[in-house]
């Protein structure tokens, strides 16, 4: 069933499909304010994901093949994210951003870690269905974040803005320096250390952060 609701109008279903559950619910709750910019502060865990390796198992590497592979990839990644109370906030090619805490604030970091592990496991299904080999990298960071709608009268979008978003992306890209798949920040590790097994990797100064930060590999 996904994010669709029984009995919902086509317009409402489309709103959920293209904008996500959180912003669709906001519009339903505030029918007279949907065309206004707004921001609110929330404690979230942001997930940044990208494909860092891909090899087609097909002699015909066409645009149609790549689009089909990406659709299969996003289908499985989204299923893992939404099953763990996440919300995808941005898609760009094979990269995606999701946040946790909009629906269940008290378990945001735990939900993000569970989703990350599920995404890595789902790569096997993507490879079988999409007829290609891939590996992904994920970065997680937790903290106070600006959530809202911004833009102009011609085009607005829902987004998460701030250091948490930026640092999760930096951590995702730093995986390649350590040969890891899921890298989490010290703040995320503090919130989840009683639940998950991690390995301390280093203490680094990530671009966009004023102070050094310990980084960890999420193992299980």
Protein backbone atom coordinates (compact mmCIF):
# COMPACT_ATOMS: atom_id res chain seq x y z
CA UNK A 1 0.00 0.00 0.00
CA UNK A 2 2.96 2.32 0.61
CA UNK A 3 2.06 5.88 1.48
CA UNK A 4 -1.36 5.77 -0.20
CA UNK A 5 -4.51 5.74 1.88
CA UNK A 6 -7.71 3.91 1.10
CA UNK A 7 -10.34 6.29 -0.21
CA UNK A 8 -7.93 9.18 -0.78
CA UNK A 9 -8.49 11.39 -3.81
CA UNK A 10 -6.04 11.22 -6.75
CA UNK A 11 -4.81 14.71 -5.84
CA UNK A 12 -4.14 13.73 -2.24
CA UNK A 13 -2.39 10.51 -3.32
CA UNK A 14 -0.23 12.46 -5.75
CA UNK A 15 0.65 14.95 -3.03
CA UNK A 16 1.88 12.13 -0.81
CA UNK A 17 3.76 10.42 -3.63
CA UNK A 18 5.67 13.49 -4.80
CA UNK A 19 6.09 15.34 -1.50
CA UNK A 20 6.00 12.68 1.20
CA UNK A 21 3.75 11.92 4.15
CA UNK A 22 4.92 14.74 6.41
CA UNK A 23 4.26 17.66 4.07
CA UNK A 24 1.03 16.07 2.80
CA UNK A 25 -0.21 15.83 6.38
CA UNK A 26 0.80 19.45 6.99
CA UNK A 27 -1.27 20.58 4.01
CA UNK A 28 -4.26 18.59 5.26
CA UNK A 29 -3.94 20.11 8.74
CA UNK A 30 -3.41 23.65 7.43
CA UNK A 31 -5.46 23.98 4.22
CA UNK A 32 -5.28 27.79 4.27
CA UNK A 33 -1.52 28.01 4.88
CA UNK A 34 -0.09 25.46 2.45
CA UNK A 35 1.09 28.22 0.08
CA UNK A 36 3.21 29.94 2.73
CA UNK A 37 6.84 29.37 3.60
CA UNK A 38 7.38 27.99 7.09
CA UNK A 39 10.16 26.52 9.19
CA UNK A 40 10.24 24.71 12.52
CA UNK A 41 13.06 23.31 14.63
CA UNK A 42 13.19 19.58 15.33
CA UNK A 43 15.70 17.09 16.71
CA UNK A 44 16.21 14.67 13.83
CA UNK A 45 18.61 12.08 12.51
CA UNK A 46 19.42 12.63 8.85
CA UNK A 47 20.46 9.82 6.51
CA UNK A 48 22.51 10.55 3.41
CA UNK A 49 22.94 7.70 0.90
CA UNK A 50 24.66 7.27 -2.44
CA UNK A 51 25.79 4.46 -4.72
CA UNK A 52 29.59 4.29 -4.58
CA UNK A 53 29.99 1.34 -6.97
CA UNK A 54 27.87 0.00 -9.80
CA UNK A 55 28.56 -2.56 -12.51
CA UNK A 56 25.90 -3.71 -14.97
CA UNK A 57 25.46 -7.44 -15.55
CA UNK A 58 24.16 -6.80 -19.01
CA UNK A 59 25.89 -6.27 -22.38
CA UNK A 60 23.28 -3.62 -23.22
CA UNK A 61 23.98 -0.67 -20.94
CA UNK A 62 21.18 1.57 -22.21
CA UNK A 63 19.32 4.49 -20.68
CA UNK A 64 16.31 2.23 -20.24
CA UNK A 65 18.42 -0.31 -18.36
CA UNK A 66 19.83 2.36 -16.03
CA UNK A 67 16.45 3.93 -15.32
CA UNK A 68 14.96 0.51 -14.55
CA UNK A 69 17.87 -0.28 -12.23
CA UNK A 70 17.50 3.03 -10.39
CA UNK A 71 13.76 2.48 -9.97
CA UNK A 72 14.38 -0.96 -8.44
CA UNK A 73 17.11 0.49 -6.22
CA UNK A 74 14.93 3.34 -4.95
CA UNK A 75 11.97 0.99 -4.41
CA UNK A 76 13.95 -1.21 -2.02
CA UNK A 77 15.73 1.66 -0.27
CA UNK A 78 12.46 3.53 0.26
CA UNK A 79 10.77 0.40 1.62
CA UNK A 80 13.51 0.05 4.26
CA UNK A 81 13.32 3.73 5.18
CA UNK A 82 9.53 3.96 5.48
CA UNK A 83 9.36 0.65 7.36
CA UNK A 84 11.48 2.33 10.03
CA UNK A 85 9.44 5.55 10.32
CA UNK A 86 11.68 7.57 8.02
CA UNK A 87 10.72 10.20 5.47
CA UNK A 88 12.57 10.64 2.18
CA UNK A 89 13.05 14.35 1.63
CA UNK A 90 15.18 14.50 -1.49
CA UNK A 91 16.09 12.32 -4.48
CA UNK A 92 18.85 13.20 -6.92
CA UNK A 93 19.80 10.46 -9.34
CA UNK A 94 21.15 7.61 -7.23
CA UNK A 95 21.53 9.80 -4.12
CA UNK A 96 18.86 10.28 -1.49
CA UNK A 97 18.33 12.06 1.82
CA UNK A 98 15.92 10.88 4.50
CA UNK A 99 15.15 12.08 7.99
CA UNK A 100 13.97 10.29 11.10
CA UNK A 101 12.11 11.92 13.97
CA UNK A 102 9.25 13.57 12.13
CA UNK A 103 6.97 10.66 13.02
CA UNK A 104 8.66 9.14 16.10
CA UNK A 105 10.93 11.64 17.81
CA UNK A 106 12.05 9.47 20.72
CA UNK A 107 13.57 6.70 18.56
CA UNK A 108 14.85 8.75 15.61
CA UNK A 109 18.51 7.65 15.78
CA UNK A 110 17.60 4.00 16.41
CA UNK A 111 15.15 4.00 13.50
CA UNK A 112 17.80 5.55 11.24
CA UNK A 113 20.33 2.86 12.16
CA UNK A 114 17.81 0.08 11.58
CA UNK A 115 16.91 1.56 8.19
CA UNK A 116 20.58 1.87 7.21
CA UNK A 117 21.30 -1.78 7.99
CA UNK A 118 18.16 -2.80 6.11
CA UNK A 119 19.23 -0.76 3.07
CA UNK A 120 22.61 -2.49 2.94
CA UNK A 121 20.93 -5.89 3.20
CA UNK A 122 18.45 -4.95 0.46
CA UNK A 123 21.29 -4.45 -2.03
CA UNK A 124 21.25 -8.20 -2.70
CA UNK A 125 17.63 -7.95 -3.88
CA UNK A 126 18.44 -4.93 -6.03
CA UNK A 127 21.29 -6.81 -7.70
CA UNK A 128 19.09 -9.82 -8.48
CA UNK A 129 16.13 -7.84 -9.79
CA UNK A 130 18.12 -5.11 -11.50
CA UNK A 131 20.79 -7.38 -13.01
CA UNK A 132 23.74 -5.36 -11.77
CA UNK A 133 26.26 -5.21 -8.94
CA UNK A 134 26.38 -2.29 -6.51
CA UNK A 135 27.50 -1.09 -3.12
CA UNK A 136 26.18 1.89 -1.22
CA UNK A 137 27.50 4.28 1.40
CA UNK A 138 25.46 5.92 4.15
CA UNK A 139 26.11 8.75 6.58
CA UNK A 140 24.06 9.45 9.73
CA UNK A 141 24.12 12.48 12.00
CA UNK A 142 21.71 13.61 14.72
CA UNK A 143 20.86 17.03 16.09
CA UNK A 144 18.73 20.14 15.91
CA UNK A 145 17.54 20.79 12.38
CA UNK A 146 15.41 23.33 10.53
CA UNK A 147 12.49 21.67 8.78
CA UNK A 148 10.14 23.48 6.48
CA UNK A 149 8.95 24.75 3.15
CA UNK A 150 10.83 27.46 1.32
CA UNK A 151 10.89 28.98 -2.15
CA UNK A 152 8.82 31.43 -4.15
CA UNK A 153 5.23 31.79 -5.30
CA UNK A 154 6.25 29.88 -8.43
CA UNK A 155 7.91 26.88 -6.78
CA UNK A 156 8.24 25.70 -3.20
CA UNK A 157 9.71 22.58 -1.71
CA UNK A 158 9.93 20.81 1.60
CA UNK A 159 13.44 20.35 2.94
CA UNK A 160 15.67 19.89 5.95
CA UNK A 161 18.27 22.62 6.33
CA UNK A 162 21.26 23.01 8.60
CA UNK A 163 24.48 21.43 9.82
CA UNK A 164 22.91 18.04 10.50
CA UNK A 165 22.02 17.71 6.82
CA UNK A 166 25.46 18.87 5.70
CA UNK A 167 27.38 16.64 8.11
CA UNK A 168 25.42 13.51 7.22
CA UNK A 169 26.41 14.11 3.60
CA UNK A 170 30.07 14.63 4.58
CA UNK A 171 30.06 11.38 6.54
CA UNK A 172 28.54 9.50 3.62
CA UNK A 173 31.38 10.67 1.40
CA UNK A 174 34.02 9.88 4.03
CA UNK A 175 33.16 6.17 3.96
CA UNK A 176 35.46 5.70 0.98
CA UNK A 177 38.48 6.73 3.09
CA UNK A 178 37.83 3.93 5.61
CA UNK A 179 36.37 1.17 3.44
CA UNK A 180 33.06 1.30 5.31
CA UNK A 181 29.42 1.25 4.27
CA UNK A 182 27.65 3.03 7.15
CA UNK A 183 29.34 5.84 9.05
CA UNK A 184 27.66 7.54 12.01
CA UNK A 185 28.59 10.58 14.03
CA UNK A 186 29.45 10.63 17.71
CA UNK A 187 26.07 12.16 18.53
CA UNK A 188 24.19 9.37 16.72
CA UNK A 189 26.40 6.75 18.39
CA UNK A 190 25.63 8.16 21.84
CA UNK A 191 21.90 7.81 21.21
CA UNK A 192 22.16 4.22 19.93
CA UNK A 193 25.16 2.61 21.67
CA UNK A 194 22.98 0.43 23.91
CA UNK A 195 21.25 -1.08 20.88
CA UNK A 196 23.85 -1.40 18.11
CA UNK A 197 27.41 -2.63 17.73
CA UNK A 198 29.79 -0.01 16.38
CA UNK A 199 33.51 0.42 15.77
CA UNK A 200 35.28 3.70 16.49
CA UNK A 201 37.15 4.78 13.38
CA UNK A 202 38.79 8.09 14.04
CA UNK A 203 38.42 11.63 15.28
CA UNK A 204 38.27 14.01 12.38
CA UNK A 205 37.34 17.56 11.55
CA UNK A 206 34.61 17.27 8.96
CA UNK A 207 34.17 20.17 6.58
CA UNK A 208 31.22 22.17 7.88
CA UNK A 209 31.98 21.44 11.56
CA UNK A 210 33.86 23.77 13.91
CA UNK A 211 35.17 21.05 16.22
CA UNK A 212 36.68 17.56 15.78
CA UNK A 213 34.17 14.74 15.86
CA UNK A 214 34.52 11.03 16.57
CA UNK A 215 33.20 8.83 13.80
CA UNK A 216 32.00 5.24 14.03
CA UNK A 217 31.20 2.39 11.69
CA UNK A 218 27.74 0.90 12.27
CA UNK A 219 28.19 -2.87 12.24
CA UNK A 220 25.04 -4.56 13.54
